[in-house]
Amino acid sequence: MLDTKAHKARLPTCFAKEYGVALDDYVMLRDPKRNVTVVQVEKKNGKVYLDNL
């Protein structure tokens, strides 16, 4: 789960390798209670980070 107080979160390598190329610059994350958070996707050196806006 993304800690909303953290500045960045790195996606697991296996997920980044398979889906990282298909991710847009911004994505919406939705939790089981249907709360939505928009985060920026940063791709750097083969790694994918989610950054709070």
Protein backbone atom coordinates (compact mmCIF):
# COMPACT_ATOMS: atom_id res chain seq x y z
CA MET A 1 0.00 0.00 0.00
CA LEU A 2 1.18 3.50 -0.78
CA ASP A 3 1.96 5.57 2.31
CA THR A 4 0.38 8.93 1.51
CA LYS A 5 2.89 10.67 3.78
CA ALA A 6 5.89 9.24 1.94
CA HIS A 7 7.26 11.24 -0.98
CA LYS A 8 7.87 8.30 -3.36
CA ALA A 9 7.15 4.59 -3.50
CA ARG A 10 8.95 2.16 -5.83
CA LEU A 11 6.92 -0.48 -7.60
CA PRO A 12 8.19 -4.07 -7.27
CA THR A 13 10.70 -4.94 -10.01
CA CYS A 14 8.61 -7.80 -11.42
CA PHE A 15 5.59 -5.47 -11.81
CA ALA A 16 7.70 -2.67 -13.29
CA LYS A 17 9.25 -5.00 -15.88
CA GLU A 18 5.88 -6.32 -17.04
CA TYR A 19 3.68 -3.22 -16.83
CA GLY A 20 5.97 -0.20 -16.39
CA VAL A 21 6.10 0.66 -20.09
CA ALA A 22 2.29 0.72 -20.32
CA LEU A 23 1.80 3.15 -17.41
CA ASP A 24 0.88 6.76 -18.21
CA ASP A 25 2.54 9.75 -16.55
CA TYR A 26 -0.27 9.88 -13.97
CA VAL A 27 -2.35 7.03 -12.54
CA MET A 28 -5.31 6.78 -10.19
CA LEU A 29 -5.08 4.39 -7.27
CA ARG A 30 -8.30 3.19 -5.65
CA ASP A 31 -8.50 1.37 -2.32
CA PRO A 32 -11.19 -1.13 -1.26
CA LYS A 33 -13.26 1.70 0.25
CA ARG A 34 -13.26 3.40 -3.18
CA ASN A 35 -11.05 6.32 -2.12
CA VAL A 36 -9.06 7.60 -5.10
CA THR A 37 -5.57 9.11 -5.12
CA VAL A 38 -3.84 10.46 -8.23
CA VAL A 39 -0.08 9.96 -8.33
CA GLN A 40 2.65 10.77 -10.80
CA VAL A 41 4.58 7.90 -12.40
CA GLU A 42 8.34 8.40 -12.68
CA LYS A 43 10.38 5.95 -14.76
CA LYS A 44 14.10 6.05 -14.06
CA ASN A 45 16.88 3.53 -14.78
CA GLY A 46 14.42 0.68 -15.34
CA LYS A 47 12.60 1.35 -12.08
CA VAL A 48 9.12 2.81 -11.65
CA TYR A 49 8.23 5.18 -8.81
CA LEU A 50 4.90 6.60 -7.69
CA ASP A 51 5.14 10.18 -6.47
CA ASN A 52 2.51 12.09 -4.48
CA LEU A 53 1.20 15.25 -6.10
